[in-house]
Amino acid sequence: MTLPVLEPVRRRRRRRRRVSSLDLAAVGLCLLAALVALSWRLLTNGDAPLQPSTPAASASAVHEARPLVAGPPLYARQFDPPLAGKAAILVEASTGRVVWAQRPHLRLPVASTTKIMTAALVLRHLPLDRIVRIGPTVPRVPLVREGLRVGERVPVWKLLYGLLLYSGNDDALALAIATSGSRPAFISLMNEEARRLGLRDSHFTSPSGVIDDGNYSSAWDLAALGRYALRDVRFRRIVRTRRTEVSWAAPTYSKVYVNKNRLLKLYPGAIGIKTGWTTLAGPCIVAAATRRGVTLIAVVLDSAHQYNDAARLLNFGFASVR
């Protein structure tokens, strides 16, 4: 049967009902119950993921809820021969539990492993495609420089490769100024972040680690910082890169970055993180590797055989952790 498009509606008259005081009381009770339920949800939903619009609050909540590294060590093995480093630690990345440690809270200069903190702050505050204009102080930093020129306009992602693979001190300063406006302001931000992350053995005086005076950390803190940084997939992708070629403006045209972390070639499953050296700090390494779904972080400070020490620690960890 075909129905017309429009059809008149016959409304039945209903007798109006008077609202009694009992009805009003019932409505009030319903509203009160709804408010109580909503308040309970807000109070008990603290573990729910925060929205991407509040990344800083999210990171803070993660830190405050549980420490990045937790002891005591699971094993007290004595290595024979002993490790060459002054301090060392082995940590399971997924849980933060300490597998093994040797003077983990000894405060030492940490050279370019400082750049882990710099990279973590840059990734937190700057988009990768942000263009950084190289200022006049950047090319004058001491020692290792990749050769940035005054006035160059370079995206953040290229500077991060220079920072974490080549370990350019000029990259560190350029990123620091772009993040905080000045070198002193960025150093203040580094120390504020160290406190926020619970790094009690750390103090920074340089975005690169080239200055040893007052720039120190511990194996414990660097393991915690490495674990924190590895949560960012962009950081992981950069530090595990062995070699990359990027285009550059004239007259350079292109640059090739080769990762200074030899463990990426020497150790199967290695995924980073950062090496460092100064005369006072000696050779340092914050290493990470993954096997059979387990990721371990090894830190060795002031070791003449930092790669061998790191490999021995990782081997012990993969044989012990299940």
C-alpha atoms as a PDB file:
ATOM      1  CA  MET A   1       0.000   0.000   0.000  1.00  0.00           C
ATOM      2  CA  THR A   2       1.353   3.432  -0.936  1.00  0.00           C
ATOM      3  CA  LEU A   3       1.427   5.965   1.818  1.00  0.00           C
ATOM      4  CA  PRO A   4       1.357   9.705   1.217  1.00  0.00           C
ATOM      5  CA  VAL A   5       4.550  11.594   1.871  1.00  0.00           C
ATOM      6  CA  LEU A   6       2.830  13.797   4.410  1.00  0.00           C
ATOM      7  CA  GLU A   7       0.090  12.524   6.618  1.00  0.00           C
ATOM      8  CA  PRO A   8      -1.745  14.534   9.244  1.00  0.00           C
ATOM      9  CA  VAL A   9      -1.036  13.441  12.788  1.00  0.00           C
ATOM     10  CA  ARG A  10      -3.956  13.057  15.137  1.00  0.00           C
ATOM     11  CA  ARG A  11      -2.902  14.004  18.646  1.00  0.00           C
ATOM     12  CA  ARG A  12      -4.745  12.584  21.554  1.00  0.00           C
ATOM     13  CA  ARG A  13      -5.445  15.020  24.319  1.00  0.00           C
ATOM     14  CA  ARG A  14      -3.781  14.062  27.552  1.00  0.00           C
ATOM     15  CA  ARG A  15      -4.775  15.199  30.931  1.00  0.00           C
ATOM     16  CA  ARG A  16      -2.084  17.367  32.484  1.00  0.00           C
ATOM     17  CA  ARG A  17      -0.529  15.981  35.582  1.00  0.00           C
ATOM     18  CA  ARG A  18       0.364  18.233  38.429  1.00  0.00           C
ATOM     19  CA  VAL A  19       3.945  18.103  39.657  1.00  0.00           C
ATOM     20  CA  SER A  20       3.913  17.135  43.283  1.00  0.00           C
ATOM     21  CA  SER A  21       6.552  17.737  45.921  1.00  0.00           C
ATOM     22  CA  LEU A  22       7.310  14.005  45.829  1.00  0.00           C
ATOM     23  CA  ASP A  23       8.156  14.246  42.122  1.00  0.00           C
ATOM     24  CA  LEU A  24      10.508  17.157  42.746  1.00  0.00           C
ATOM     25  CA  ALA A  25      12.218  15.234  45.519  1.00  0.00           C
ATOM     26  CA  ALA A  26      12.718  12.237  43.225  1.00  0.00           C
ATOM     27  CA  VAL A  27      14.271  14.428  40.533  1.00  0.00           C
ATOM     28  CA  GLY A  28      16.617  15.967  43.103  1.00  0.00           C
ATOM     29  CA  LEU A  29      17.703  12.553  44.325  1.00  0.00           C
ATOM     30  CA  CYS A  30      18.443  11.440  40.746  1.00  0.00           C
ATOM     31  CA  LEU A  31      20.592  14.530  40.097  1.00  0.00           C
ATOM     32  CA  LEU A  32      22.462  14.012  43.355  1.00  0.00           C
ATOM     33  CA  ALA A  33      23.155  10.374  42.476  1.00  0.00           C
ATOM     34  CA  ALA A  34      24.444  11.381  39.029  1.00  0.00           C
ATOM     35  CA  LEU A  35      26.813  13.940  40.555  1.00  0.00           C
ATOM     36  CA  VAL A  36      28.133  11.403  43.050  1.00  0.00           C
ATOM     37  CA  ALA A  37      28.703   8.867  40.260  1.00  0.00           C
ATOM     38  CA  LEU A  38      30.539  11.431  38.121  1.00  0.00           C
ATOM     39  CA  SER A  39      32.757  12.464  41.047  1.00  0.00           C
ATOM     40  CA  TRP A  40      33.606   8.825  41.734  1.00  0.00           C
ATOM     41  CA  ARG A  41      34.590   8.266  38.116  1.00  0.00           C
ATOM     42  CA  LEU A  42      36.879  11.294  38.177  1.00  0.00           C
ATOM     43  CA  LEU A  43      38.500  10.184  41.421  1.00  0.00           C
ATOM     44  CA  THR A  44      39.060   6.575  40.361  1.00  0.00           C
ATOM     45  CA  ASN A  45      40.054   7.155  36.723  1.00  0.00           C
ATOM     46  CA  GLY A  46      43.574   8.434  37.425  1.00  0.00           C
ATOM     47  CA  ASP A  47      45.220   5.631  35.416  1.00  0.00           C
ATOM     48  CA  ALA A  48      43.333   6.469  32.212  1.00  0.00           C
ATOM     49  CA  PRO A  49      45.559   7.815  29.406  1.00  0.00           C
ATOM     50  CA  LEU A  50      45.684  11.583  29.142  1.00  0.00           C
ATOM     51  CA  GLN A  51      44.897  13.321  25.892  1.00  0.00           C
ATOM     52  CA  PRO A  52      47.765  14.107  23.486  1.00  0.00           C
ATOM     53  CA  SER A  53      47.168  17.815  24.079  1.00  0.00           C
ATOM     54  CA  THR A  54      48.806  17.505  27.513  1.00  0.00           C
ATOM     55  CA  PRO A  55      52.119  15.676  26.887  1.00  0.00           C
ATOM     56  CA  ALA A  56      53.959  17.337  29.767  1.00  0.00           C
ATOM     57  CA  ALA A  57      51.285  16.349  32.274  1.00  0.00           C
ATOM     58  CA  SER A  58      51.329  12.813  30.917  1.00  0.00           C
ATOM     59  CA  ALA A  59      55.090  12.483  31.300  1.00  0.00           C
ATOM     60  CA  SER A  60      54.952  13.896  34.821  1.00  0.00           C
ATOM     61  CA  ALA A  61      52.230  11.468  35.824  1.00  0.00           C
ATOM     62  CA  VAL A  62      54.284   8.520  34.581  1.00  0.00           C
ATOM     63  CA  HIS A  63      57.289   9.625  36.601  1.00  0.00           C
ATOM     64  CA  GLU A  64      55.403  10.442  39.788  1.00  0.00           C
ATOM     65  CA  ALA A  65      53.532   7.148  39.781  1.00  0.00           C
ATOM     66  CA  ARG A  66      56.631   4.950  39.729  1.00  0.00           C
ATOM     67  CA  PRO A  67      60.412   5.522  39.600  1.00  0.00           C
ATOM     68  CA  LEU A  68      62.214   5.080  36.306  1.00  0.00           C
ATOM     69  CA  VAL A  69      64.740   2.698  37.895  1.00  0.00           C
ATOM     70  CA  ALA A  70      64.094   0.535  40.945  1.00  0.00           C
ATOM     71  CA  GLY A  71      66.441  -1.572  43.085  1.00  0.00           C
ATOM     72  CA  PRO A  72      67.938  -3.428  44.781  1.00  0.00           C
ATOM     73  CA  PRO A  73      69.832  -5.412  42.106  1.00  0.00           C
ATOM     74  CA  LEU A  74      68.451  -8.851  41.305  1.00  0.00           C
ATOM     75  CA  TYR A  75      71.949 -10.379  41.141  1.00  0.00           C
ATOM     76  CA  ALA A  76      75.225  -9.800  42.991  1.00  0.00           C
ATOM     77  CA  ARG A  77      77.522 -11.620  40.561  1.00  0.00           C
ATOM     78  CA  GLN A  78      81.241 -10.835  40.610  1.00  0.00           C
ATOM     79  CA  PHE A  79      82.629 -10.550  37.094  1.00  0.00           C
ATOM     80  CA  ASP A  80      85.952 -12.277  36.494  1.00  0.00           C
ATOM     81  CA  PRO A  81      87.906 -10.398  35.323  1.00  0.00           C
ATOM     82  CA  PRO A  82      86.167  -7.331  36.822  1.00  0.00           C
ATOM     83  CA  LEU A  83      84.651  -4.705  34.567  1.00  0.00           C
ATOM     84  CA  ALA A  84      87.042  -1.913  33.675  1.00  0.00           C
ATOM     85  CA  GLY A  85      84.567   0.894  34.402  1.00  0.00           C
ATOM     86  CA  LYS A  86      84.442   2.922  37.607  1.00  0.00           C
ATOM     87  CA  ALA A  87      80.657   2.532  37.735  1.00  0.00           C
ATOM     88  CA  ALA A  88      78.120   0.425  35.874  1.00  0.00           C
ATOM     89  CA  ILE A  89      74.517  -0.736  35.926  1.00  0.00           C
ATOM     90  CA  LEU A  90      72.215  -3.087  34.011  1.00  0.00           C
ATOM     91  CA  VAL A  91      68.479  -2.364  33.906  1.00  0.00           C
ATOM     92  CA  GLU A  92      65.499  -4.077  32.324  1.00  0.00           C
ATOM     93  CA  ALA A  93      63.874  -1.442  30.130  1.00  0.00           C
ATOM     94  CA  SER A  94      60.256  -2.622  30.379  1.00  0.00           C
ATOM     95  CA  THR A  95      60.103  -2.552  34.183  1.00  0.00           C
ATOM     96  CA  GLY A  96      63.034  -0.391  35.252  1.00  0.00           C
ATOM     97  CA  ARG A  97      64.252  -3.032  37.697  1.00  0.00           C
ATOM     98  CA  VAL A  98      67.990  -3.177  38.345  1.00  0.00           C
ATOM     99  CA  VAL A  99      69.533  -6.464  37.251  1.00  0.00           C
ATOM    100  CA  TRP A 100      73.106  -5.722  38.359  1.00  0.00           C
ATOM    101  CA  ALA A 101      75.006  -2.695  39.621  1.00  0.00           C
ATOM    102  CA  GLN A 102      78.472  -1.518  40.605  1.00  0.00           C
ATOM    103  CA  ARG A 103      78.749   1.831  42.413  1.00  0.00           C
ATOM    104  CA  PRO A 104      75.548   2.949  40.635  1.00  0.00           C
ATOM    105  CA  HIS A 105      75.226   6.275  42.499  1.00  0.00           C
ATOM    106  CA  LEU A 106      78.851   7.376  42.106  1.00  0.00           C
ATOM    107  CA  ARG A 107      78.765  10.882  40.631  1.00  0.00           C
ATOM    108  CA  LEU A 108      81.074  11.207  37.641  1.00  0.00           C
ATOM    109  CA  PRO A 109      81.512  13.504  34.627  1.00  0.00           C
ATOM    110  CA  VAL A 110      79.539  11.957  31.766  1.00  0.00           C
ATOM    111  CA  ALA A 111      80.738  13.771  28.635  1.00  0.00           C
ATOM    112  CA  SER A 112      78.448  13.477  25.591  1.00  0.00           C
ATOM    113  CA  THR A 113      75.984  11.099  27.232  1.00  0.00           C
ATOM    114  CA  THR A 114      74.632  14.469  28.434  1.00  0.00           C
ATOM    115  CA  LYS A 115      73.138  14.783  24.950  1.00  0.00           C
ATOM    116  CA  ILE A 116      70.476  12.197  25.863  1.00  0.00           C
ATOM    117  CA  MET A 117      68.898  14.831  28.114  1.00  0.00           C
ATOM    118  CA  THR A 118      69.250  17.498  25.412  1.00  0.00           C
ATOM    119  CA  ALA A 119      67.567  15.290  22.806  1.00  0.00           C
ATOM    120  CA  ALA A 120      64.740  14.312  25.184  1.00  0.00           C
ATOM    121  CA  LEU A 121      63.950  17.972  25.905  1.00  0.00           C
ATOM    122  CA  VAL A 122      64.128  18.958  22.240  1.00  0.00           C
ATOM    123  CA  LEU A 123      61.737  16.163  21.254  1.00  0.00           C
ATOM    124  CA  ARG A 124      59.385  17.239  24.008  1.00  0.00           C
ATOM    125  CA  HIS A 125      59.345  20.938  23.092  1.00  0.00           C
ATOM    126  CA  LEU A 126      60.069  21.264  19.354  1.00  0.00           C
ATOM    127  CA  PRO A 127      58.449  19.707  16.258  1.00  0.00           C
ATOM    128  CA  LEU A 128      60.882  17.891  13.999  1.00  0.00           C
ATOM    129  CA  ASP A 129      60.160  20.194  11.055  1.00  0.00           C
ATOM    130  CA  ARG A 130      60.812  23.419  13.009  1.00  0.00           C
ATOM    131  CA  ILE A 131      63.456  25.492  11.209  1.00  0.00           C
ATOM    132  CA  VAL A 132      66.373  26.609  13.373  1.00  0.00           C
ATOM    133  CA  ARG A 133      68.455  29.614  12.373  1.00  0.00           C
ATOM    134  CA  ILE A 134      72.076  29.114  13.382  1.00  0.00           C
ATOM    135  CA  GLY A 135      73.270  31.982  15.595  1.00  0.00           C
ATOM    136  CA  PRO A 136      76.766  33.479  15.805  1.00  0.00           C
ATOM    137  CA  THR A 137      77.767  31.637  19.009  1.00  0.00           C
ATOM    138  CA  VAL A 138      76.992  28.150  17.660  1.00  0.00           C
ATOM    139  CA  PRO A 139      80.045  27.592  15.393  1.00  0.00           C
ATOM    140  CA  ARG A 140      82.383  28.730  18.196  1.00  0.00           C
ATOM    141  CA  VAL A 141      81.700  25.859  20.602  1.00  0.00           C
ATOM    142  CA  PRO A 142      84.843  23.858  21.473  1.00  0.00           C
ATOM    143  CA  LEU A 143      85.973  20.496  20.195  1.00  0.00           C
ATOM    144  CA  VAL A 144      83.636  18.299  18.150  1.00  0.00           C
ATOM    145  CA  ARG A 145      81.626  20.303  15.600  1.00  0.00           C
ATOM    146  CA  GLU A 146      79.853  19.180  12.488  1.00  0.00           C
ATOM    147  CA  GLY A 147      80.431  22.594  10.893  1.00  0.00           C
ATOM    148  CA  LEU A 148      77.184  24.548  11.174  1.00  0.00           C
ATOM    149  CA  ARG A 149      77.483  28.036   9.659  1.00  0.00           C
ATOM    150  CA  VAL A 150      76.040  31.302  10.950  1.00  0.00           C
ATOM    151  CA  GLY A 151      72.725  32.107   9.299  1.00  0.00           C
ATOM    152  CA  GLU A 152      72.002  28.583   8.092  1.00  0.00           C
ATOM    153  CA  ARG A 153      68.389  27.482   8.439  1.00  0.00           C
ATOM    154  CA  VAL A 154      68.260  23.831   9.465  1.00  0.00           C
ATOM    155  CA  PRO A 155      65.274  21.684  10.516  1.00  0.00           C
ATOM    156  CA  VAL A 156      65.298  20.181  14.002  1.00  0.00           C
ATOM    157  CA  TRP A 157      65.406  16.600  12.736  1.00  0.00           C
ATOM    158  CA  LYS A 158      68.706  17.150  10.918  1.00  0.00           C
ATOM    159  CA  LEU A 159      70.250  18.705  14.011  1.00  0.00           C
ATOM    160  CA  LEU A 160      69.110  15.706  16.074  1.00  0.00           C
ATOM    161  CA  TYR A 161      70.973  13.332  13.754  1.00  0.00           C
ATOM    162  CA  GLY A 162      74.053  15.510  14.122  1.00  0.00           C
ATOM    163  CA  LEU A 163      73.569  15.544  17.899  1.00  0.00           C
ATOM    164  CA  LEU A 164      73.042  11.821  18.485  1.00  0.00           C
ATOM    165  CA  LEU A 165      75.082  10.191  15.692  1.00  0.00           C
ATOM    166  CA  TYR A 166      77.968  12.550  15.008  1.00  0.00           C
ATOM    167  CA  SER A 167      77.753  14.012  18.551  1.00  0.00           C
ATOM    168  CA  GLY A 168      78.159  17.594  17.369  1.00  0.00           C
ATOM    169  CA  ASN A 169      78.538  20.144  20.146  1.00  0.00           C
ATOM    170  CA  ASP A 170      77.378  22.844  17.739  1.00  0.00           C
ATOM    171  CA  ASP A 171      74.181  20.850  17.152  1.00  0.00           C
ATOM    172  CA  ALA A 172      73.625  20.733  20.913  1.00  0.00           C
ATOM    173  CA  LEU A 173      73.967  24.494  21.309  1.00  0.00           C
ATOM    174  CA  ALA A 174      71.791  25.272  18.281  1.00  0.00           C
ATOM    175  CA  LEU A 175      69.006  23.036  19.621  1.00  0.00           C
ATOM    176  CA  ALA A 176      69.363  24.435  23.143  1.00  0.00           C
ATOM    177  CA  ILE A 177      68.932  28.029  21.964  1.00  0.00           C
ATOM    178  CA  ALA A 178      66.011  27.049  19.706  1.00  0.00           C
ATOM    179  CA  THR A 179      64.281  25.326  22.629  1.00  0.00           C
ATOM    180  CA  SER A 180      64.763  27.857  25.429  1.00  0.00           C
ATOM    181  CA  GLY A 181      66.002  31.055  23.786  1.00  0.00           C
ATOM    182  CA  SER A 182      69.458  30.951  25.341  1.00  0.00           C
ATOM    183  CA  ARG A 183      72.075  28.543  26.596  1.00  0.00           C
ATOM    184  CA  PRO A 184      71.628  29.429  30.302  1.00  0.00           C
ATOM    185  CA  ALA A 185      67.856  29.040  30.043  1.00  0.00           C
ATOM    186  CA  PHE A 186      68.235  25.603  28.491  1.00  0.00           C
ATOM    187  CA  ILE A 187      70.684  24.484  31.170  1.00  0.00           C
ATOM    188  CA  SER A 188      68.132  25.554  33.784  1.00  0.00           C
ATOM    189  CA  LEU A 189      65.545  23.494  31.919  1.00  0.00           C
ATOM    190  CA  MET A 190      67.890  20.483  31.934  1.00  0.00           C
ATOM    191  CA  ASN A 191      68.304  20.621  35.703  1.00  0.00           C
ATOM    192  CA  GLU A 192      64.598  21.196  36.224  1.00  0.00           C
ATOM    193  CA  GLU A 193      63.884  18.119  34.108  1.00  0.00           C
ATOM    194  CA  ALA A 194      66.449  16.107  36.071  1.00  0.00           C
ATOM    195  CA  ARG A 195      64.597  16.944  39.279  1.00  0.00           C
ATOM    196  CA  ARG A 196      61.249  16.101  37.702  1.00  0.00           C
ATOM    197  CA  LEU A 197      62.523  12.705  36.586  1.00  0.00           C
ATOM    198  CA  GLY A 198      64.008  11.949  39.981  1.00  0.00           C
ATOM    199  CA  LEU A 199      67.642  12.060  38.813  1.00  0.00           C
ATOM    200  CA  ARG A 200      69.156  12.847  42.201  1.00  0.00           C
ATOM    201  CA  ASP A 201      72.796  12.273  41.202  1.00  0.00           C
ATOM    202  CA  SER A 202      72.753  14.606  38.186  1.00  0.00           C
ATOM    203  CA  HIS A 203      73.638  18.221  37.502  1.00  0.00           C
ATOM    204  CA  PHE A 204      74.189  19.780  34.094  1.00  0.00           C
ATOM    205  CA  THR A 205      76.270  22.790  33.068  1.00  0.00           C
ATOM    206  CA  SER A 206      76.291  22.221  29.307  1.00  0.00           C
ATOM    207  CA  PRO A 207      73.831  20.990  26.652  1.00  0.00           C
ATOM    208  CA  SER A 208      76.619  18.887  25.095  1.00  0.00           C
ATOM    209  CA  GLY A 209      78.713  17.634  28.026  1.00  0.00           C
ATOM    210  CA  VAL A 210      81.853  19.239  26.629  1.00  0.00           C
ATOM    211  CA  ILE A 211      82.316  21.084  29.930  1.00  0.00           C
ATOM    212  CA  ASP A 212      83.173  18.695  32.765  1.00  0.00           C
ATOM    213  CA  ASP A 213      83.148  21.224  35.588  1.00  0.00           C
ATOM    214  CA  GLY A 214      79.849  20.746  37.450  1.00  0.00           C
ATOM    215  CA  ASN A 215      78.441  18.492  34.723  1.00  0.00           C
ATOM    216  CA  TYR A 216      77.932  15.072  36.267  1.00  0.00           C
ATOM    217  CA  SER A 217      75.576  12.143  36.651  1.00  0.00           C
ATOM    218  CA  SER A 218      75.653   8.502  37.731  1.00  0.00           C
ATOM    219  CA  ALA A 219      75.150   5.112  36.116  1.00  0.00           C
ATOM    220  CA  TRP A 220      71.780   4.903  37.888  1.00  0.00           C
ATOM    221  CA  ASP A 221      70.557   8.265  36.604  1.00  0.00           C
ATOM    222  CA  LEU A 222      71.782   7.661  33.052  1.00  0.00           C
ATOM    223  CA  ALA A 223      69.961   4.330  32.950  1.00  0.00           C
ATOM    224  CA  ALA A 224      66.799   6.105  34.115  1.00  0.00           C
ATOM    225  CA  LEU A 225      67.289   8.869  31.553  1.00  0.00           C
ATOM    226  CA  GLY A 226      67.959   6.333  28.792  1.00  0.00           C
ATOM    227  CA  ARG A 227      64.818   4.397  29.706  1.00  0.00           C
ATOM    228  CA  TYR A 228      62.797   7.614  29.634  1.00  0.00           C
ATOM    229  CA  ALA A 229      64.226   8.691  26.255  1.00  0.00           C
ATOM    230  CA  LEU A 230      63.613   5.278  24.643  1.00  0.00           C
ATOM    231  CA  ARG A 231      59.882   5.693  25.203  1.00  0.00           C
ATOM    232  CA  ASP A 232      59.906   8.170  22.318  1.00  0.00           C
ATOM    233  CA  VAL A 233      59.845   6.242  19.031  1.00  0.00           C
ATOM    234  CA  ARG A 234      61.563   9.161  17.283  1.00  0.00           C
ATOM    235  CA  PHE A 235      64.493   8.959  19.682  1.00  0.00           C
ATOM    236  CA  ARG A 236      64.750   5.188  19.229  1.00  0.00           C
ATOM    237  CA  ARG A 237      64.700   5.519  15.458  1.00  0.00           C
ATOM    238  CA  ILE A 238      67.564   8.029  15.474  1.00  0.00           C
ATOM    239  CA  VAL A 239      69.897   6.337  17.986  1.00  0.00           C
ATOM    240  CA  ARG A 240      69.644   2.940  16.301  1.00  0.00           C
ATOM    241  CA  THR A 241      70.590   4.419  12.901  1.00  0.00           C
ATOM    242  CA  ARG A 242      74.098   3.362  11.848  1.00  0.00           C
ATOM    243  CA  ARG A 243      74.478   5.683   8.886  1.00  0.00           C
ATOM    244  CA  THR A 244      72.289   8.182   7.100  1.00  0.00           C
ATOM    245  CA  GLU A 245      72.716  10.722   4.303  1.00  0.00           C
ATOM    246  CA  VAL A 246      70.692  13.936   4.353  1.00  0.00           C
ATOM    247  CA  SER A 247      70.343  16.724   1.837  1.00  0.00           C
ATOM    248  CA  TRP A 248      71.725  20.134   2.732  1.00  0.00           C
ATOM    249  CA  ALA A 249      71.655  23.647   1.373  1.00  0.00           C
ATOM    250  CA  ALA A 250      74.402  24.891  -0.943  1.00  0.00           C
ATOM    251  CA  PRO A 251      77.361  24.876  -0.880  1.00  0.00           C
ATOM    252  CA  THR A 252      77.244  21.699   1.272  1.00  0.00           C
ATOM    253  CA  TYR A 253      74.420  19.927  -0.626  1.00  0.00           C
ATOM    254  CA  SER A 254      74.522  16.746   1.500  1.00  0.00           C
ATOM    255  CA  LYS A 255      75.934  15.308   4.713  1.00  0.00           C
ATOM    256  CA  VAL A 256      76.594  11.760   5.823  1.00  0.00           C
ATOM    257  CA  TYR A 257      76.169  10.979   9.518  1.00  0.00           C
ATOM    258  CA  VAL A 258      77.856   7.844  10.848  1.00  0.00           C
ATOM    259  CA  ASN A 259      76.907   6.724  14.344  1.00  0.00           C
ATOM    260  CA  LYS A 260      79.895   6.776  16.708  1.00  0.00           C
ATOM    261  CA  ASN A 261      78.354   3.973  18.776  1.00  0.00           C
ATOM    262  CA  ARG A 262      80.379   0.964  17.590  1.00  0.00           C
ATOM    263  CA  LEU A 263      78.184  -1.378  19.615  1.00  0.00           C
ATOM    264  CA  LEU A 264      75.583  -1.143  16.829  1.00  0.00           C
ATOM    265  CA  LYS A 265      77.994  -3.134  14.655  1.00  0.00           C
ATOM    266  CA  LEU A 266      79.636  -5.250  17.325  1.00  0.00           C
ATOM    267  CA  TYR A 267      76.644  -6.486  19.303  1.00  0.00           C
ATOM    268  CA  PRO A 268      73.637  -8.311  17.754  1.00  0.00           C
ATOM    269  CA  GLY A 269      70.381  -6.655  18.765  1.00  0.00           C
ATOM    270  CA  ALA A 270      71.974  -3.336  19.788  1.00  0.00           C
ATOM    271  CA  ILE A 271      69.616  -0.342  19.461  1.00  0.00           C
ATOM    272  CA  GLY A 272      71.739   2.556  20.794  1.00  0.00           C
ATOM    273  CA  ILE A 273      71.939   4.760  22.869  1.00  0.00           C
ATOM    274  CA  LYS A 274      74.904   7.188  23.243  1.00  0.00           C
ATOM    275  CA  THR A 275      78.635   7.252  23.785  1.00  0.00           C
ATOM    276  CA  GLY A 276      80.787   9.981  25.305  1.00  0.00           C
ATOM    277  CA  TRP A 277      84.363  10.951  26.025  1.00  0.00           C
ATOM    278  CA  THR A 278      86.341  13.776  27.572  1.00  0.00           C
ATOM    279  CA  THR A 279      89.736  13.680  29.228  1.00  0.00           C
ATOM    280  CA  LEU A 280      88.194  13.794  32.715  1.00  0.00           C
ATOM    281  CA  ALA A 281      85.150  11.619  32.033  1.00  0.00           C
ATOM    282  CA  GLY A 282      87.001   8.927  30.122  1.00  0.00           C
ATOM    283  CA  PRO A 283      85.078   6.665  27.718  1.00  0.00           C
ATOM    284  CA  CYS A 284      81.398   6.338  28.653  1.00  0.00           C
ATOM    285  CA  ILE A 285      78.478   4.488  27.119  1.00  0.00           C
ATOM    286  CA  VAL A 286      74.750   4.189  27.613  1.00  0.00           C
ATOM    287  CA  ALA A 287      73.852   1.070  25.627  1.00  0.00           C
ATOM    288  CA  ALA A 288      70.612  -0.740  24.849  1.00  0.00           C
ATOM    289  CA  ALA A 289      69.858  -4.009  23.103  1.00  0.00           C
ATOM    290  CA  THR A 290      66.828  -6.199  22.436  1.00  0.00           C
ATOM    291  CA  ARG A 291      66.652 -10.004  22.221  1.00  0.00           C
ATOM    292  CA  ARG A 292      63.647 -12.335  22.353  1.00  0.00           C
ATOM    293  CA  GLY A 293      61.370  -9.459  23.270  1.00  0.00           C
ATOM    294  CA  VAL A 294      63.544  -8.298  26.205  1.00  0.00           C
ATOM    295  CA  THR A 295      65.258  -4.882  26.125  1.00  0.00           C
ATOM    296  CA  LEU A 296      68.155  -4.163  28.472  1.00  0.00           C
ATOM    297  CA  ILE A 297      69.976  -0.912  29.212  1.00  0.00           C
ATOM    298  CA  ALA A 298      73.637  -1.031  30.242  1.00  0.00           C
ATOM    299  CA  VAL A 299      75.611   1.979  31.453  1.00  0.00           C
ATOM    300  CA  VAL A 300      79.389   1.969  31.890  1.00  0.00           C
ATOM    301  CA  LEU A 301      81.273   5.089  33.032  1.00  0.00           C
ATOM    302  CA  ASP A 302      84.969   5.858  32.757  1.00  0.00           C
ATOM    303  CA  SER A 303      86.030   2.560  31.221  1.00  0.00           C
ATOM    304  CA  ALA A 304      88.993   1.954  28.955  1.00  0.00           C
ATOM    305  CA  HIS A 305      86.991  -0.961  27.506  1.00  0.00           C
ATOM    306  CA  GLN A 306      83.495   0.487  27.459  1.00  0.00           C
ATOM    307  CA  TYR A 307      82.216  -1.661  24.566  1.00  0.00           C
ATOM    308  CA  ASN A 308      83.527  -4.875  26.055  1.00  0.00           C
ATOM    309  CA  ASP A 309      82.096  -3.973  29.468  1.00  0.00           C
ATOM    310  CA  ALA A 310      78.706  -3.147  27.959  1.00  0.00           C
ATOM    311  CA  ALA A 311      78.646  -6.392  25.934  1.00  0.00           C
ATOM    312  CA  ARG A 312      79.500  -8.473  29.017  1.00  0.00           C
ATOM    313  CA  LEU A 313      76.738  -6.820  30.994  1.00  0.00           C
ATOM    314  CA  LEU A 314      74.194  -7.366  28.223  1.00  0.00           C
ATOM    315  CA  ASN A 315      75.230 -11.003  27.769  1.00  0.00           C
ATOM    316  CA  PHE A 316      74.824 -11.614  31.488  1.00  0.00           C
ATOM    317  CA  GLY A 317      71.429  -9.918  31.459  1.00  0.00           C
ATOM    318  CA  PHE A 318      70.023 -11.858  28.523  1.00  0.00           C
ATOM    319  CA  ALA A 319      71.208 -15.118  30.097  1.00  0.00           C
ATOM    320  CA  SER A 320      69.621 -14.228  33.438  1.00  0.00           C
ATOM    321  CA  VAL A 321      66.411 -12.280  32.769  1.00  0.00           C
ATOM    322  CA  ARG A 322      63.373 -14.273  31.712  1.00  0.00           C
END
